């Protein structure tokens, strides 16, 4: 299985056009586990670079959630390197969660097979994210369309990755496995953040926001 720049573009088109066939072809390639993890790392590195350039050109505003009419909680936006590390950890973690949850629900895909399909999918999504970034700066409407395309490819691609990877032949079961895997991943990330204190630290600020400027 070739993964050059040209072939990655072909994989991107295939995941958009026929995600089921794309998942089947990646599974049939029998990629080694370490190669799949390396692909997820590459996707994380590219995401870090894109996020860093975006931060330099536009900036990264803090995330603010209103709590009441007079108060809100503000979370500082994490840096590009932190976002890249988070992307790699969650990418590997999601594949492992899909593997374990799928096994418990009757799936018979191996960890290497599940990891390979999700890894190629993440590379494909990275291609779309890069396009979204470039066009978002020049043609915002195209960037918005690419964002919607990325959501579509992620949902459909991941569903078929679970279905084909575990050999379910049942998209309903695949959707259920995907949902439970996300729940497991969120809980693990949340508990890890609480234990190691690496999560974002919120700050209570008064409203309106002009009062804090």
N, C-alpha and C. Protein backbone atom coordinates (compact mmCIF):
# COMPACT_ATOMS: atom_id res chain seq x y z
N UNK A 1 0.86 -1.20 0.00
CA UNK A 1 0.00 0.00 0.00
C UNK A 1 0.88 1.24 0.00
N UNK A 2 0.74 2.08 -1.01
CA UNK A 2 1.56 3.27 -1.15
C UNK A 2 0.87 4.47 -0.48
N UNK A 3 1.70 5.28 0.20
CA UNK A 3 1.14 6.47 0.86
C UNK A 3 2.01 7.69 0.54
N UNK A 4 2.16 7.96 -0.76
CA UNK A 4 2.85 9.17 -1.20
C UNK A 4 1.85 10.32 -1.21
N UNK A 5 2.34 11.51 -1.54
CA UNK A 5 1.44 12.66 -1.60
C UNK A 5 0.35 12.44 -2.66
N UNK A 6 0.75 11.87 -3.80
CA UNK A 6 -0.23 11.63 -4.87
C UNK A 6 -1.26 10.58 -4.44
N UNK A 7 -0.77 9.49 -3.82
CA UNK A 7 -1.70 8.44 -3.41
C UNK A 7 -2.61 8.90 -2.29
N UNK A 8 -2.09 9.80 -1.42
CA UNK A 8 -2.93 10.32 -0.34
C UNK A 8 -4.09 11.12 -0.90
N UNK A 9 -3.85 11.83 -1.99
CA UNK A 9 -4.93 12.55 -2.65
C UNK A 9 -5.96 11.59 -3.21
N UNK A 10 -5.49 10.46 -3.75
CA UNK A 10 -6.41 9.44 -4.26
C UNK A 10 -7.21 8.81 -3.12
N UNK A 11 -6.56 8.58 -1.99
CA UNK A 11 -7.26 8.04 -0.82
C UNK A 11 -8.32 9.02 -0.33
N UNK A 12 -7.98 10.31 -0.38
CA UNK A 12 -8.95 11.33 0.04
C UNK A 12 -10.19 11.28 -0.85
N UNK A 13 -9.98 11.22 -2.14
CA UNK A 13 -11.13 11.15 -3.07
C UNK A 13 -11.93 9.88 -2.86
N UNK A 14 -11.23 8.76 -2.57
CA UNK A 14 -11.94 7.50 -2.38
C UNK A 14 -12.77 7.52 -1.10
N UNK A 15 -12.23 8.10 -0.03
CA UNK A 15 -12.99 8.18 1.22
C UNK A 15 -14.20 9.09 1.06
N UNK A 16 -14.11 10.08 0.18
CA UNK A 16 -15.26 10.95 -0.08
C UNK A 16 -16.30 10.23 -0.94
N UNK A 17 -15.82 9.53 -1.97
CA UNK A 17 -16.71 8.90 -2.93
C UNK A 17 -17.29 7.58 -2.43
N UNK A 18 -16.43 6.74 -1.83
CA UNK A 18 -16.86 5.40 -1.41
C UNK A 18 -16.09 5.00 -0.15
N UNK A 19 -16.51 5.50 1.02
CA UNK A 19 -15.77 5.21 2.26
C UNK A 19 -15.74 3.72 2.60
N UNK A 20 -16.77 2.97 2.20
CA UNK A 20 -16.78 1.54 2.49
C UNK A 20 -15.65 0.82 1.74
N UNK A 21 -15.52 1.11 0.45
CA UNK A 21 -14.45 0.49 -0.32
C UNK A 21 -13.08 0.92 0.20
N UNK A 22 -12.96 2.20 0.59
CA UNK A 22 -11.69 2.68 1.12
C UNK A 22 -11.30 1.91 2.37
N UNK A 23 -12.27 1.70 3.28
CA UNK A 23 -12.00 0.95 4.50
C UNK A 23 -11.62 -0.49 4.19
N UNK A 24 -12.29 -1.09 3.23
CA UNK A 24 -11.98 -2.46 2.84
C UNK A 24 -10.56 -2.57 2.29
N UNK A 25 -10.16 -1.62 1.46
CA UNK A 25 -8.84 -1.66 0.85
C UNK A 25 -7.73 -1.46 1.88
N UNK A 26 -7.95 -0.56 2.83
CA UNK A 26 -6.95 -0.34 3.88
C UNK A 26 -6.83 -1.59 4.75
N UNK A 27 -7.95 -2.18 5.10
CA UNK A 27 -7.93 -3.40 5.92
C UNK A 27 -7.18 -4.52 5.20
N UNK A 28 -7.42 -4.66 3.89
CA UNK A 28 -6.78 -5.73 3.11
C UNK A 28 -5.27 -5.52 3.00
N UNK A 29 -4.80 -4.29 3.18
CA UNK A 29 -3.36 -4.01 3.07
C UNK A 29 -2.57 -4.58 4.24
N UNK A 30 -3.23 -4.87 5.36
CA UNK A 30 -2.58 -5.46 6.55
C UNK A 30 -1.35 -4.65 6.98
N UNK A 31 -1.55 -3.37 7.20
CA UNK A 31 -0.44 -2.52 7.63
C UNK A 31 0.01 -2.90 9.04
N UNK A 32 1.33 -2.88 9.29
CA UNK A 32 1.82 -3.14 10.66
C UNK A 32 1.32 -2.06 11.62
N UNK A 33 1.15 -2.44 12.87
CA UNK A 33 0.62 -1.52 13.88
C UNK A 33 1.49 -0.28 14.01
N UNK A 34 2.82 -0.47 14.01
CA UNK A 34 3.72 0.67 14.19
C UNK A 34 3.63 1.66 13.02
N UNK A 35 3.36 1.16 11.83
CA UNK A 35 3.20 2.06 10.67
C UNK A 35 1.94 2.90 10.83
N UNK A 36 0.88 2.29 11.31
CA UNK A 36 -0.37 3.02 11.51
C UNK A 36 -0.21 4.10 12.57
N UNK A 37 0.48 3.76 13.67
CA UNK A 37 0.72 4.76 14.72
C UNK A 37 1.56 5.90 14.18
N UNK A 38 2.56 5.57 13.35
CA UNK A 38 3.40 6.61 12.75
C UNK A 38 2.57 7.54 11.88
N UNK A 39 1.60 7.00 11.14
CA UNK A 39 0.73 7.83 10.31
C UNK A 39 -0.09 8.78 11.16
N UNK A 40 -0.56 8.30 12.32
CA UNK A 40 -1.32 9.17 13.22
C UNK A 40 -0.43 10.28 13.75
N UNK A 41 0.84 9.95 14.04
CA UNK A 41 1.79 10.97 14.51
C UNK A 41 2.02 12.01 13.41
N UNK A 42 2.18 11.55 12.17
CA UNK A 42 2.37 12.48 11.05
C UNK A 42 1.17 13.42 10.92
N UNK A 43 -0.03 12.86 11.05
CA UNK A 43 -1.24 13.69 10.99
C UNK A 43 -1.23 14.73 12.11
N UNK A 44 -0.78 14.31 13.31
CA UNK A 44 -0.70 15.24 14.43
C UNK A 44 0.33 16.34 14.20
N UNK A 45 1.47 15.99 13.59
CA UNK A 45 2.51 16.98 13.31
C UNK A 45 2.01 18.01 12.30
N UNK A 46 1.34 17.54 11.25
CA UNK A 46 0.80 18.46 10.25
C UNK A 46 -0.25 19.37 10.88
N UNK A 47 -1.09 18.80 11.74
CA UNK A 47 -2.09 19.61 12.44
C UNK A 47 -1.43 20.67 13.31
N UNK A 48 -0.30 20.31 13.94
CA UNK A 48 0.44 21.27 14.76
C UNK A 48 0.95 22.43 13.93
N UNK A 49 1.51 22.11 12.75
CA UNK A 49 2.04 23.15 11.87
C UNK A 49 0.92 24.08 11.40
N UNK A 50 -0.19 23.48 10.96
CA UNK A 50 -1.32 24.28 10.48
C UNK A 50 -1.87 25.16 11.60
N UNK A 51 -2.00 24.58 12.80
CA UNK A 51 -2.50 25.34 13.94
C UNK A 51 -1.55 26.47 14.30
N UNK A 52 -0.24 26.21 14.20
CA UNK A 52 0.75 27.24 14.52
C UNK A 52 0.71 28.39 13.54
N UNK A 53 0.59 28.08 12.26
CA UNK A 53 0.51 29.14 11.24
C UNK A 53 -0.77 29.95 11.44
N UNK A 54 -1.88 29.25 11.71
CA UNK A 54 -3.15 29.94 11.94
C UNK A 54 -3.05 30.87 13.15
N UNK A 55 -2.37 30.37 14.20
CA UNK A 55 -2.20 31.19 15.40
C UNK A 55 -1.38 32.44 15.11
N UNK A 56 -0.34 32.31 14.30
CA UNK A 56 0.51 33.45 13.97
C UNK A 56 -0.22 34.47 13.11
N UNK A 57 -1.04 33.98 12.17
CA UNK A 57 -1.71 34.89 11.24
C UNK A 57 -2.96 35.53 11.82
N UNK A 58 -3.73 34.77 12.57
CA UNK A 58 -5.04 35.25 13.04
C UNK A 58 -5.11 35.35 14.55
N UNK A 59 -4.38 34.48 15.24
CA UNK A 59 -4.49 34.44 16.70
C UNK A 59 -5.49 33.39 17.13
N UNK A 60 -5.45 33.06 18.41
CA UNK A 60 -6.37 32.05 18.96
C UNK A 60 -7.09 32.64 20.16
N UNK A 61 -8.31 33.13 19.97
CA UNK A 61 -9.05 33.73 21.09
C UNK A 61 -9.40 32.69 22.16
N UNK A 62 -9.53 33.18 23.38
CA UNK A 62 -9.92 32.29 24.47
C UNK A 62 -11.34 31.79 24.27
N UNK A 63 -11.64 30.66 24.91
CA UNK A 63 -12.98 30.08 24.86
C UNK A 63 -13.75 30.55 26.09
N UNK A 64 -14.92 31.15 25.87
CA UNK A 64 -15.70 31.74 26.97
C UNK A 64 -17.09 31.12 26.99
N UNK A 65 -17.48 30.62 28.18
CA UNK A 65 -18.81 30.04 28.37
C UNK A 65 -19.55 30.87 29.42
N UNK A 66 -20.67 31.49 29.07
CA UNK A 66 -21.45 32.25 30.06
C UNK A 66 -22.01 31.32 31.14
N UNK A 67 -21.92 31.75 32.39
CA UNK A 67 -22.48 31.01 33.51
C UNK A 67 -23.78 31.63 33.99
N UNK A 68 -23.85 32.93 33.89
CA UNK A 68 -25.04 33.66 34.30
C UNK A 68 -25.03 35.00 33.56
N UNK A 69 -25.92 35.90 33.98
CA UNK A 69 -25.96 37.21 33.33
C UNK A 69 -24.78 38.07 33.73
N UNK A 70 -24.11 37.72 34.80
CA UNK A 70 -23.02 38.56 35.31
C UNK A 70 -21.66 37.87 35.32
N UNK A 71 -21.61 36.55 35.08
CA UNK A 71 -20.34 35.84 35.14
C UNK A 71 -20.20 34.86 33.98
N UNK A 72 -18.95 34.59 33.65
CA UNK A 72 -18.64 33.60 32.62
C UNK A 72 -17.34 32.91 33.03
N UNK A 73 -17.07 31.77 32.42
CA UNK A 73 -15.81 31.08 32.66
C UNK A 73 -14.99 31.11 31.38
N UNK A 74 -13.71 31.48 31.51
CA UNK A 74 -12.84 31.63 30.35
C UNK A 74 -11.72 30.59 30.40
N UNK A 75 -11.57 29.85 29.29
CA UNK A 75 -10.49 28.88 29.16
C UNK A 75 -9.49 29.40 28.12
N UNK A 76 -8.23 29.54 28.48
CA UNK A 76 -7.24 29.98 27.49
C UNK A 76 -7.06 28.92 26.40
N UNK A 77 -6.95 29.36 25.16
CA UNK A 77 -6.75 28.44 24.04
C UNK A 77 -5.37 27.80 24.16
N UNK A 78 -5.31 26.48 24.02
CA UNK A 78 -4.03 25.79 24.10
C UNK A 78 -3.18 26.09 22.88
N UNK A 79 -1.86 25.96 23.04
CA UNK A 79 -0.94 26.24 21.95
C UNK A 79 -0.94 25.15 20.90
N UNK A 80 -0.29 25.41 19.76
CA UNK A 80 -0.26 24.45 18.65
C UNK A 80 0.37 23.11 19.04
N UNK A 81 1.45 23.13 19.81
CA UNK A 81 2.12 21.88 20.17
C UNK A 81 1.21 21.03 21.05
N UNK A 82 0.56 21.67 22.00
CA UNK A 82 -0.38 20.95 22.87
C UNK A 82 -1.51 20.35 22.06
N UNK A 83 -2.02 21.12 21.09
CA UNK A 83 -3.09 20.61 20.24
C UNK A 83 -2.62 19.43 19.42
N UNK A 84 -1.38 19.48 18.93
CA UNK A 84 -0.85 18.37 18.15
C UNK A 84 -0.70 17.11 18.98
N UNK A 85 -0.16 17.26 20.19
CA UNK A 85 -0.01 16.11 21.08
C UNK A 85 -1.39 15.52 21.42
N UNK A 86 -2.34 16.40 21.68
CA UNK A 86 -3.70 15.95 21.99
C UNK A 86 -4.30 15.18 20.80
N UNK A 87 -4.04 15.66 19.58
CA UNK A 87 -4.57 14.99 18.39
C UNK A 87 -4.00 13.59 18.25
N UNK A 88 -2.70 13.44 18.53
CA UNK A 88 -2.07 12.11 18.42
C UNK A 88 -2.61 11.17 19.50
N UNK A 89 -2.68 11.66 20.73
CA UNK A 89 -3.14 10.82 21.84
C UNK A 89 -4.58 10.38 21.63
N UNK A 90 -5.43 11.32 21.25
CA UNK A 90 -6.84 10.96 21.04
C UNK A 90 -7.03 10.10 19.80
N UNK A 91 -6.18 10.30 18.78
CA UNK A 91 -6.26 9.47 17.59
C UNK A 91 -5.95 8.01 17.89
N UNK A 92 -4.86 7.79 18.62
CA UNK A 92 -4.50 6.42 19.00
C UNK A 92 -5.53 5.87 19.99
N UNK A 93 -5.94 6.72 20.93
CA UNK A 93 -6.91 6.28 21.94
C UNK A 93 -8.24 5.89 21.36
N UNK A 94 -8.71 6.65 20.36
CA UNK A 94 -9.99 6.32 19.74
C UNK A 94 -9.92 4.98 19.02
N UNK A 95 -8.83 4.74 18.31
CA UNK A 95 -8.68 3.45 17.61
C UNK A 95 -8.67 2.30 18.61
N UNK A 96 -7.97 2.47 19.73
CA UNK A 96 -7.92 1.41 20.74
C UNK A 96 -9.29 1.19 21.36
N UNK A 97 -10.01 2.30 21.62
CA UNK A 97 -11.36 2.18 22.19
C UNK A 97 -12.29 1.45 21.22
N UNK A 98 -12.21 1.78 19.94
CA UNK A 98 -13.03 1.10 18.94
C UNK A 98 -12.69 -0.39 18.90
N UNK A 99 -11.42 -0.71 19.01
CA UNK A 99 -10.99 -2.10 19.01
C UNK A 99 -11.58 -2.86 20.19
N UNK A 100 -11.47 -2.30 21.40
CA UNK A 100 -11.93 -3.00 22.60
C UNK A 100 -13.45 -3.07 22.67
N UNK A 101 -14.12 -1.95 22.41
CA UNK A 101 -15.58 -1.93 22.46
C UNK A 101 -16.15 -2.84 21.37
N UNK A 102 -15.57 -2.78 20.18
CA UNK A 102 -16.04 -3.62 19.09
C UNK A 102 -15.89 -5.10 19.39
N UNK A 103 -14.78 -5.48 20.03
CA UNK A 103 -14.59 -6.87 20.40
C UNK A 103 -15.67 -7.34 21.36
N UNK A 104 -16.01 -6.50 22.32
CA UNK A 104 -17.03 -6.87 23.30
C UNK A 104 -18.42 -6.96 22.68
N UNK A 105 -18.59 -6.36 21.51
CA UNK A 105 -19.90 -6.41 20.84
C UNK A 105 -19.90 -7.38 19.66
N UNK A 106 -18.92 -8.30 19.67
CA UNK A 106 -18.92 -9.35 18.66
C UNK A 106 -18.04 -9.12 17.46
N UNK A 107 -17.28 -8.03 17.44
CA UNK A 107 -16.39 -7.77 16.32
C UNK A 107 -15.15 -8.64 16.37
N UNK A 108 -14.53 -8.88 15.22
CA UNK A 108 -13.35 -9.71 15.21
C UNK A 108 -12.16 -9.03 14.52
N UNK A 109 -12.19 -7.71 14.41
CA UNK A 109 -11.05 -6.99 13.84
C UNK A 109 -9.90 -6.92 14.83
N UNK A 110 -8.68 -7.01 14.32
CA UNK A 110 -7.50 -6.90 15.18
C UNK A 110 -7.18 -5.44 15.45
N UNK A 111 -6.34 -5.20 16.44
CA UNK A 111 -5.95 -3.82 16.75
C UNK A 111 -5.23 -3.19 15.57
N UNK A 112 -4.37 -3.96 14.90
CA UNK A 112 -3.63 -3.44 13.75
C UNK A 112 -4.58 -3.04 12.63
N UNK A 113 -5.62 -3.82 12.40
CA UNK A 113 -6.57 -3.51 11.33
C UNK A 113 -7.37 -2.25 11.64
N UNK A 114 -7.86 -2.16 12.87
CA UNK A 114 -8.64 -0.98 13.27
C UNK A 114 -7.76 0.27 13.24
N UNK A 115 -6.54 0.14 13.75
CA UNK A 115 -5.62 1.27 13.80
C UNK A 115 -5.27 1.74 12.40
N UNK A 116 -5.10 0.80 11.45
CA UNK A 116 -4.70 1.18 10.10
C UNK A 116 -5.80 1.97 9.40
N UNK A 117 -7.06 1.53 9.53
CA UNK A 117 -8.15 2.24 8.85
C UNK A 117 -8.34 3.63 9.44
N UNK A 118 -8.32 3.72 10.77
CA UNK A 118 -8.50 5.04 11.39
C UNK A 118 -7.30 5.96 11.12
N UNK A 119 -6.11 5.37 10.97
CA UNK A 119 -4.92 6.18 10.68
C UNK A 119 -5.00 6.80 9.30
N UNK A 120 -5.37 6.00 8.30
CA UNK A 120 -5.51 6.54 6.95
C UNK A 120 -6.63 7.58 6.91
N UNK A 121 -7.71 7.32 7.63
CA UNK A 121 -8.80 8.28 7.70
C UNK A 121 -8.32 9.60 8.30
N UNK A 122 -7.48 9.54 9.32
CA UNK A 122 -6.96 10.76 9.93
C UNK A 122 -6.06 11.53 8.97
N UNK A 123 -5.27 10.81 8.17
CA UNK A 123 -4.46 11.48 7.15
C UNK A 123 -5.35 12.17 6.12
N UNK A 124 -6.42 11.50 5.73
CA UNK A 124 -7.37 12.09 4.78
C UNK A 124 -8.01 13.34 5.36
N UNK A 125 -8.40 13.27 6.61
CA UNK A 125 -8.99 14.44 7.27
C UNK A 125 -7.98 15.58 7.38
N UNK A 126 -6.70 15.23 7.56
CA UNK A 126 -5.67 16.25 7.63
C UNK A 126 -5.54 16.98 6.30
N UNK A 127 -5.65 16.24 5.19
CA UNK A 127 -5.63 16.87 3.87
C UNK A 127 -6.78 17.88 3.75
N UNK A 128 -7.96 17.48 4.21
CA UNK A 128 -9.12 18.38 4.13
C UNK A 128 -8.93 19.59 5.04
N UNK A 129 -8.35 19.37 6.23
CA UNK A 129 -8.11 20.48 7.16
C UNK A 129 -7.13 21.49 6.56
N UNK A 130 -6.08 21.00 5.91
CA UNK A 130 -5.12 21.90 5.27
C UNK A 130 -5.82 22.73 4.19
N UNK A 131 -6.66 22.05 3.38
CA UNK A 131 -7.41 22.79 2.36
C UNK A 131 -8.35 23.81 2.98
N UNK A 132 -9.00 23.42 4.07
CA UNK A 132 -9.90 24.33 4.77
C UNK A 132 -9.14 25.55 5.28
N UNK A 133 -7.93 25.34 5.80
CA UNK A 133 -7.11 26.43 6.31
C UNK A 133 -6.72 27.39 5.19
N UNK A 134 -6.22 26.84 4.08
CA UNK A 134 -5.76 27.67 2.97
C UNK A 134 -6.91 28.49 2.38
N UNK A 135 -8.02 27.81 2.08
CA UNK A 135 -9.15 28.51 1.49
C UNK A 135 -9.88 29.39 2.50
N UNK A 136 -9.78 29.02 3.78
CA UNK A 136 -10.41 29.85 4.81
C UNK A 136 -9.81 31.24 4.88
N UNK A 137 -8.53 31.34 4.50
CA UNK A 137 -7.85 32.64 4.51
C UNK A 137 -8.11 33.43 3.24
N UNK A 138 -8.39 32.74 2.15
CA UNK A 138 -8.54 33.40 0.85
C UNK A 138 -9.99 33.44 0.36
N UNK A 139 -10.67 32.28 0.45
CA UNK A 139 -12.07 32.17 0.03
C UNK A 139 -12.86 31.52 1.16
N UNK A 140 -13.35 32.31 2.11
CA UNK A 140 -14.02 31.75 3.30
C UNK A 140 -15.17 30.81 2.99
N UNK A 141 -15.92 31.06 1.93
CA UNK A 141 -17.05 30.19 1.61
C UNK A 141 -16.57 28.80 1.22
N UNK A 142 -15.44 28.73 0.50
CA UNK A 142 -14.87 27.43 0.15
C UNK A 142 -14.34 26.74 1.41
N UNK A 143 -13.73 27.53 2.29
CA UNK A 143 -13.26 26.96 3.55
C UNK A 143 -14.40 26.38 4.37
N UNK A 144 -15.54 27.06 4.36
CA UNK A 144 -16.71 26.56 5.08
C UNK A 144 -17.22 25.27 4.47
N UNK A 145 -17.25 25.21 3.15
CA UNK A 145 -17.69 23.99 2.46
C UNK A 145 -16.75 22.83 2.79
N UNK A 146 -15.46 23.09 2.82
CA UNK A 146 -14.50 22.05 3.16
C UNK A 146 -14.66 21.59 4.61
N UNK A 147 -15.05 22.51 5.48
CA UNK A 147 -15.31 22.13 6.87
C UNK A 147 -16.47 21.15 6.94
N UNK A 148 -17.55 21.44 6.21
CA UNK A 148 -18.70 20.53 6.16
C UNK A 148 -18.31 19.20 5.54
N UNK A 149 -17.47 19.25 4.52
CA UNK A 149 -16.99 18.02 3.88
C UNK A 149 -16.19 17.18 4.87
N UNK A 150 -15.37 17.86 5.68
CA UNK A 150 -14.58 17.14 6.68
C UNK A 150 -15.46 16.44 7.70
N UNK A 151 -16.54 17.10 8.11
CA UNK A 151 -17.47 16.47 9.06
C UNK A 151 -18.11 15.24 8.43
N UNK A 152 -18.52 15.38 7.17
CA UNK A 152 -19.13 14.25 6.46
C UNK A 152 -18.17 13.08 6.34
N UNK A 153 -16.93 13.35 5.92
CA UNK A 153 -15.94 12.29 5.75
C UNK A 153 -15.62 11.63 7.09
N UNK A 154 -15.54 12.42 8.14
CA UNK A 154 -15.24 11.87 9.46
C UNK A 154 -16.34 10.92 9.92
N UNK A 155 -17.59 11.36 9.82
CA UNK A 155 -18.71 10.54 10.30
C UNK A 155 -18.86 9.27 9.45
N UNK A 156 -18.93 9.45 8.13
CA UNK A 156 -19.11 8.28 7.25
C UNK A 156 -17.88 7.39 7.26
N UNK A 157 -16.70 8.00 7.20
CA UNK A 157 -15.48 7.22 7.16
C UNK A 157 -15.28 6.41 8.43
N UNK A 158 -15.56 7.01 9.57
CA UNK A 158 -15.38 6.29 10.83
C UNK A 158 -16.41 5.18 10.98
N UNK A 159 -17.63 5.46 10.53
CA UNK A 159 -18.66 4.43 10.59
C UNK A 159 -18.28 3.20 9.78
N UNK A 160 -17.80 3.43 8.56
CA UNK A 160 -17.39 2.31 7.71
C UNK A 160 -16.10 1.68 8.22
N UNK A 161 -15.23 2.47 8.85
CA UNK A 161 -14.01 1.91 9.43
C UNK A 161 -14.35 0.89 10.51
N UNK A 162 -15.33 1.23 11.35
CA UNK A 162 -15.76 0.30 12.40
C UNK A 162 -16.47 -0.90 11.79
N UNK A 163 -17.36 -0.64 10.85
CA UNK A 163 -18.14 -1.71 10.25
C UNK A 163 -17.26 -2.72 9.51
N UNK A 164 -16.36 -2.22 8.68
CA UNK A 164 -15.49 -3.11 7.91
C UNK A 164 -14.36 -3.68 8.76
N UNK A 165 -13.84 -2.86 9.66
CA UNK A 165 -12.74 -3.32 10.49
C UNK A 165 -13.12 -4.49 11.37
N UNK A 166 -14.33 -4.45 11.92
CA UNK A 166 -14.80 -5.52 12.81
C UNK A 166 -15.66 -6.56 12.08
N UNK A 167 -15.92 -6.32 10.79
CA UNK A 167 -16.71 -7.28 10.02
C UNK A 167 -18.14 -7.42 10.49
N UNK A 168 -18.76 -6.30 10.88
CA UNK A 168 -20.13 -6.35 11.39
C UNK A 168 -21.15 -6.55 10.28
N UNK A 169 -20.98 -5.86 9.14
CA UNK A 169 -21.99 -5.81 8.09
C UNK A 169 -23.31 -5.29 8.65
N UNK A 170 -23.19 -4.33 9.57
CA UNK A 170 -24.36 -3.75 10.24
C UNK A 170 -23.98 -2.34 10.68
N UNK A 171 -24.39 -1.33 9.90
CA UNK A 171 -24.01 0.05 10.21
C UNK A 171 -24.62 0.52 11.52
N UNK A 172 -25.76 -0.05 11.90
CA UNK A 172 -26.36 0.31 13.19
C UNK A 172 -25.46 -0.08 14.35
N UNK A 173 -24.95 -1.30 14.30
CA UNK A 173 -24.03 -1.75 15.34
C UNK A 173 -22.73 -0.94 15.30
N UNK A 174 -22.26 -0.64 14.09
CA UNK A 174 -21.05 0.15 13.95
C UNK A 174 -21.23 1.54 14.58
N UNK A 175 -22.40 2.14 14.36
CA UNK A 175 -22.68 3.45 14.94
C UNK A 175 -22.70 3.37 16.46
N UNK A 176 -23.26 2.31 16.99
CA UNK A 176 -23.33 2.12 18.43
C UNK A 176 -21.94 1.94 19.02
N UNK A 177 -21.10 1.15 18.36
CA UNK A 177 -19.71 0.97 18.81
C UNK A 177 -18.96 2.29 18.78
N UNK A 178 -19.17 3.07 17.72
CA UNK A 178 -18.50 4.37 17.60
C UNK A 178 -18.92 5.30 18.73
N UNK A 179 -20.21 5.35 19.01
CA UNK A 179 -20.72 6.20 20.08
C UNK A 179 -20.13 5.81 21.44
N UNK A 180 -20.16 4.52 21.75
CA UNK A 180 -19.62 4.05 23.03
C UNK A 180 -18.11 4.30 23.12
N UNK A 181 -17.42 4.16 22.00
CA UNK A 181 -15.97 4.39 21.99
C UNK A 181 -15.66 5.85 22.31
N UNK A 182 -16.46 6.77 21.76
CA UNK A 182 -16.27 8.18 22.07
C UNK A 182 -16.53 8.45 23.55
N UNK A 183 -17.55 7.83 24.11
CA UNK A 183 -17.84 8.01 25.52
C UNK A 183 -16.66 7.54 26.37
N UNK A 184 -16.13 6.36 26.04
CA UNK A 184 -14.98 5.82 26.77
C UNK A 184 -13.79 6.76 26.65
N UNK A 185 -13.52 7.24 25.44
CA UNK A 185 -12.37 8.13 25.23
C UNK A 185 -12.52 9.42 26.01
N UNK A 186 -13.71 10.02 25.99
CA UNK A 186 -13.93 11.27 26.72
C UNK A 186 -13.73 11.05 28.22
N UNK A 187 -14.25 9.95 28.75
CA UNK A 187 -14.09 9.67 30.18
C UNK A 187 -12.62 9.47 30.55
N UNK A 188 -11.89 8.75 29.72
CA UNK A 188 -10.46 8.52 30.00
C UNK A 188 -9.68 9.83 29.95
N UNK A 189 -9.94 10.63 28.93
CA UNK A 189 -9.25 11.92 28.81
C UNK A 189 -9.59 12.82 29.99
N UNK A 190 -10.87 12.84 30.38
CA UNK A 190 -11.29 13.68 31.51
C UNK A 190 -10.62 13.23 32.80
N UNK A 191 -10.62 11.92 33.06
CA UNK A 191 -9.99 11.42 34.28
C UNK A 191 -8.48 11.65 34.28
N UNK A 192 -7.87 11.47 33.10
CA UNK A 192 -6.45 11.72 33.00
C UNK A 192 -6.10 13.18 33.26
N UNK A 193 -6.94 14.08 32.75
CA UNK A 193 -6.73 15.51 33.00
C UNK A 193 -6.88 15.84 34.47
N UNK A 194 -7.84 15.20 35.14
CA UNK A 194 -8.05 15.45 36.56
C UNK A 194 -6.89 14.92 37.40
N UNK A 195 -6.42 13.72 37.07
CA UNK A 195 -5.36 13.09 37.85
C UNK A 195 -4.03 13.81 37.68
N UNK A 196 -3.68 14.14 36.42
CA UNK A 196 -2.37 14.73 36.15
C UNK A 196 -2.41 16.25 36.09
N UNK A 197 -3.60 16.82 36.19
CA UNK A 197 -3.70 18.28 36.18
C UNK A 197 -3.24 18.93 34.90
N UNK A 198 -3.51 18.27 33.76
CA UNK A 198 -3.03 18.80 32.49
C UNK A 198 -4.16 19.42 31.66
N UNK A 199 -5.34 19.45 32.21
CA UNK A 199 -6.46 20.04 31.48
C UNK A 199 -6.44 21.55 31.55
N UNK A 200 -7.25 22.21 30.74
CA UNK A 200 -7.32 23.67 30.76
C UNK A 200 -7.87 24.18 32.10
N UNK A 201 -7.29 25.24 32.60
CA UNK A 201 -7.72 25.83 33.86
C UNK A 201 -8.63 27.02 33.58
N UNK A 202 -9.89 26.91 34.01
CA UNK A 202 -10.84 27.98 33.76
C UNK A 202 -10.69 29.13 34.75
N UNK A 203 -11.11 30.30 34.30
CA UNK A 203 -11.06 31.50 35.12
C UNK A 203 -12.42 32.18 35.08
N UNK A 204 -12.97 32.48 36.26
CA UNK A 204 -14.26 33.17 36.34
C UNK A 204 -14.05 34.65 36.04
N UNK A 205 -14.81 35.17 35.08
CA UNK A 205 -14.68 36.57 34.71
C UNK A 205 -16.06 37.22 34.75
N UNK A 206 -16.13 38.52 34.99
CA UNK A 206 -17.43 39.22 35.02
C UNK A 206 -17.95 39.49 33.62
N UNK A 207 -19.24 39.63 33.51
CA UNK A 207 -19.90 40.05 32.28
C UNK A 207 -20.53 41.43 32.52
N UNK A 208 -20.58 42.27 31.50
CA UNK A 208 -20.14 42.07 30.12
C UNK A 208 -18.63 42.01 30.01
N UNK A 209 -18.13 41.47 28.89
CA UNK A 209 -16.71 41.25 28.72
C UNK A 209 -15.91 42.55 28.73
N UNK A 210 -16.56 43.66 28.38
CA UNK A 210 -15.84 44.94 28.38
C UNK A 210 -15.25 45.26 29.75
N UNK A 211 -15.86 44.66 30.80
CA UNK A 211 -15.39 44.95 32.14
C UNK A 211 -14.03 44.33 32.41
N UNK A 212 -13.63 43.36 31.60
CA UNK A 212 -12.34 42.70 31.81
C UNK A 212 -11.25 43.26 30.92
N UNK A 213 -11.62 44.19 30.01
CA UNK A 213 -10.64 44.73 29.07
C UNK A 213 -9.95 45.96 29.63
